[in-house]
Amino acid sequence: MRVIGPDGKQVGILTREVALKRARELSVDLVEIAPNATPPVTKIVDYTKFLYEQEKKEREQRKKQKKGEQLKEVWFTPFIATNDYEVRLAKVKEFLEEGAKVRITIRPKRRLFDTRPLYTVMGRVLAHLTEIARVEQQPKMLGRQLIGVVTPLKKGKESIHEGKENKNED
């Protein structure tokens, strides 16, 4: 078996007994790293330290995976002023460009509860986002709020509407 020393340098190809003897001399363990390799690769290392480093690597990988799966939320109101609407729409576009999913929430204020303006605002928002996003979760009422989720389009793909127009032109 191929043996790697505690300093990370290759010791050489040794028998199992000789490798175990070297590990015992250093008061550490002999850990098999790549059992399917020819010859199998082992490392002389403290096993608890080895496990800690493995867990640390896995945590780092999980952090990197979650980064693309972020869910941001932007709130609108049914009777929103034009400038406020444009600012929030710009924020939604910014989140989508970063690669995050965006939950669009339309929440009425106090007693101004009527579902028609909620769907009107949601329709406007989704119409502005057709070129850069696709609807992942169709808008639906949850309590007094209308909620929809959009995700960014993959780079190189066209929006759903553009694809339909191109098919009609052929």
Protein backbone atom coordinates (compact mmCIF):
# COMPACT_ATOMS: atom_id res chain seq x y z
CA MET A 1 0.00 0.00 0.00
CA ARG A 2 1.09 3.56 -0.74
CA VAL A 3 1.71 5.47 2.50
CA ILE A 4 1.58 9.23 3.03
CA GLY A 5 3.27 10.59 6.15
CA PRO A 6 1.81 12.97 8.74
CA ASP A 7 3.56 15.91 7.04
CA GLY A 8 1.75 15.18 3.76
CA LYS A 9 4.81 13.83 1.95
CA GLN A 10 4.81 10.41 0.38
CA VAL A 11 6.67 7.76 2.40
CA GLY A 12 6.50 5.09 -0.30
CA ILE A 13 4.96 1.70 -0.94
CA LEU A 14 5.03 -0.39 2.25
CA THR A 15 3.42 -3.53 3.55
CA ARG A 16 0.49 -3.21 5.91
CA GLU A 17 2.51 -4.37 8.93
CA VAL A 18 5.36 -1.90 8.31
CA ALA A 19 2.90 0.99 7.81
CA LEU A 20 1.06 0.12 11.05
CA LYS A 21 4.40 -0.09 12.90
CA ARG A 22 5.35 3.42 11.67
CA ALA A 23 1.99 4.79 12.74
CA ARG A 24 2.32 3.26 16.22
CA GLU A 25 5.82 4.74 16.58
CA LEU A 26 4.35 8.21 15.99
CA SER A 27 1.33 7.47 18.26
CA VAL A 28 -1.16 8.17 15.45
CA ASP A 29 -3.45 6.10 13.23
CA LEU A 30 -3.16 4.61 9.75
CA VAL A 31 -6.18 5.79 7.73
CA GLU A 32 -7.13 4.36 4.34
CA ILE A 33 -7.78 7.28 1.99
CA ALA A 34 -8.34 5.62 -1.40
CA PRO A 35 -9.12 1.89 -1.06
CA ASN A 36 -9.94 1.42 -4.77
CA ALA A 37 -6.60 2.80 -6.02
CA THR A 38 -3.82 0.46 -7.10
CA PRO A 39 -2.04 0.18 -4.69
CA PRO A 40 -4.45 1.45 -1.97
CA VAL A 41 -3.51 4.82 -0.50
CA THR A 42 -3.21 5.24 3.28
CA LYS A 43 -2.17 8.16 5.44
CA ILE A 44 -0.45 8.28 8.82
CA VAL A 45 -2.55 10.82 10.69
CA ASP A 46 -4.50 11.37 13.91
CA TYR A 47 -7.94 9.93 13.08
CA THR A 48 -9.96 12.48 15.08
CA LYS A 49 -8.13 15.32 13.35
CA PHE A 50 -8.75 13.63 10.00
CA LEU A 51 -12.51 13.41 10.73
CA TYR A 52 -12.58 17.05 11.81
CA GLU A 53 -10.95 18.14 8.55
CA GLN A 54 -13.40 16.03 6.52
CA GLU A 55 -16.38 17.63 8.31
CA LYS A 56 -14.87 21.07 7.73
CA LYS A 57 -14.59 20.39 3.99
CA GLU A 58 -18.19 19.16 3.85
CA ARG A 59 -19.42 22.29 5.66
CA GLU A 60 -17.59 24.50 3.16
CA GLN A 61 -19.17 22.60 0.27
CA ARG A 62 -22.63 22.99 1.79
CA LYS A 63 -22.09 26.74 2.20
CA LYS A 64 -21.21 27.05 -1.46
CA GLN A 65 -24.28 25.05 -2.51
CA LYS A 66 -26.70 27.19 -0.52
CA LYS A 67 -25.45 30.38 -2.09
CA GLY A 68 -27.31 29.76 -5.34
CA GLU A 69 -30.46 28.66 -3.58
CA GLN A 70 -31.20 31.89 -1.75
CA LEU A 71 -34.79 33.07 -1.56
CA LYS A 72 -35.24 36.84 -1.40
CA GLU A 73 -38.55 38.57 -0.77
CA VAL A 74 -39.89 41.88 -2.07
CA TRP A 75 -43.18 43.35 -0.86
CA PHE A 76 -45.58 45.42 -2.90
CA THR A 77 -48.90 47.01 -1.95
CA PRO A 78 -52.00 47.07 -4.16
CA PHE A 79 -52.04 50.85 -4.53
CA ILE A 80 -48.32 51.44 -4.90
CA ALA A 81 -46.92 54.72 -6.24
CA THR A 82 -45.08 54.59 -9.58
CA ASN A 83 -41.65 55.45 -8.18
CA ASP A 84 -41.97 52.93 -5.32
CA TYR A 85 -43.03 50.29 -7.82
CA GLU A 86 -40.02 50.98 -10.06
CA VAL A 87 -37.58 50.89 -7.13
CA ARG A 88 -38.91 47.56 -5.90
CA LEU A 89 -38.99 46.13 -9.42
CA ALA A 90 -35.33 47.15 -9.83
CA LYS A 91 -34.54 45.34 -6.57
CA VAL A 92 -36.28 42.19 -7.86
CA LYS A 93 -34.24 42.37 -11.08
CA GLU A 94 -31.03 42.83 -9.08
CA PHE A 95 -31.78 39.73 -6.99
CA LEU A 96 -32.53 37.72 -10.13
CA GLU A 97 -29.24 38.80 -11.73
CA GLU A 98 -27.43 37.53 -8.61
CA GLY A 99 -29.05 34.15 -9.24
CA ALA A 100 -31.46 34.18 -6.29
CA LYS A 101 -35.11 33.16 -6.33
CA VAL A 102 -37.48 35.99 -5.47
CA ARG A 103 -40.76 35.73 -3.59
CA ILE A 104 -43.07 38.54 -4.62
CA THR A 105 -45.57 39.35 -1.89
CA ILE A 106 -48.45 41.74 -2.37
CA ARG A 107 -49.98 42.69 0.94
CA PRO A 108 -52.91 45.08 1.34
CA LYS A 109 -52.84 47.73 4.02
CA ARG A 110 -55.41 47.62 6.83
CA ARG A 111 -58.99 47.60 5.58
CA LEU A 112 -58.18 48.12 1.89
CA PHE A 113 -58.69 44.44 1.18
CA ASP A 114 -59.84 43.60 -2.34
CA THR A 115 -58.24 40.84 -4.38
CA ARG A 116 -58.55 42.54 -7.79
CA PRO A 117 -55.80 45.14 -7.22
CA LEU A 118 -53.56 42.40 -5.80
CA TYR A 119 -53.77 40.39 -9.01
CA THR A 120 -53.36 43.55 -11.11
CA VAL A 121 -50.07 44.48 -9.43
CA MET A 122 -48.82 40.88 -9.58
CA GLY A 123 -49.65 40.75 -13.29
CA ARG A 124 -47.69 43.98 -13.89
CA VAL A 125 -44.67 42.67 -11.98
CA LEU A 126 -44.66 39.33 -13.80
CA ALA A 127 -45.09 41.08 -17.17
CA HIS A 128 -41.98 43.18 -16.50
CA LEU A 129 -39.97 40.09 -15.54
CA THR A 130 -40.83 37.78 -18.47
CA GLU A 131 -37.48 38.39 -20.21
CA ILE A 132 -35.25 37.64 -17.23
CA ALA A 133 -37.28 35.25 -15.05
CA ARG A 134 -39.74 32.41 -15.11
CA VAL A 135 -42.58 31.78 -12.69
CA GLU A 136 -41.72 28.91 -10.35
CA GLN A 137 -44.80 29.18 -8.15
CA GLN A 138 -47.96 30.63 -9.62
CA PRO A 139 -49.44 33.51 -7.58
CA LYS A 140 -51.83 32.30 -4.90
CA MET A 141 -53.56 33.75 -1.91
CA LEU A 142 -52.12 32.83 1.48
CA GLY A 143 -54.29 34.48 4.08
CA ARG A 144 -54.52 38.16 3.12
CA GLN A 145 -51.42 38.11 0.91
CA LEU A 146 -50.85 37.19 -2.73
CA ILE A 147 -47.55 35.34 -3.11
CA GLY A 148 -45.65 34.21 -6.20
CA VAL A 149 -42.08 32.97 -6.70
CA VAL A 150 -39.89 33.66 -9.72
CA THR A 151 -36.49 32.23 -10.60
CA PRO A 152 -33.88 33.61 -12.99
CA LEU A 153 -33.72 32.18 -16.48
CA LYS A 154 -30.62 30.17 -17.22
CA LYS A 155 -28.10 32.08 -19.29
CA GLY A 156 -28.37 31.23 -22.95
CA LYS A 157 -32.05 30.26 -22.73
CA GLU A 158 -34.78 32.47 -24.01
CA SER A 159 -37.93 33.35 -22.16
CA ILE A 160 -41.05 31.30 -22.63
CA HIS A 161 -42.81 34.04 -24.59
CA GLU A 162 -39.87 34.61 -26.94
CA GLY A 163 -39.73 30.88 -27.70
CA LYS A 164 -43.41 30.86 -28.71
CA GLU A 165 -42.94 33.87 -30.98
CA ASN A 166 -39.96 32.27 -32.69
CA LYS A 167 -41.91 29.06 -33.35
CA ASN A 168 -44.72 31.03 -34.97
CA GLU A 169 -42.29 32.77 -37.30
CA ASP A 170 -41.00 29.47 -38.77
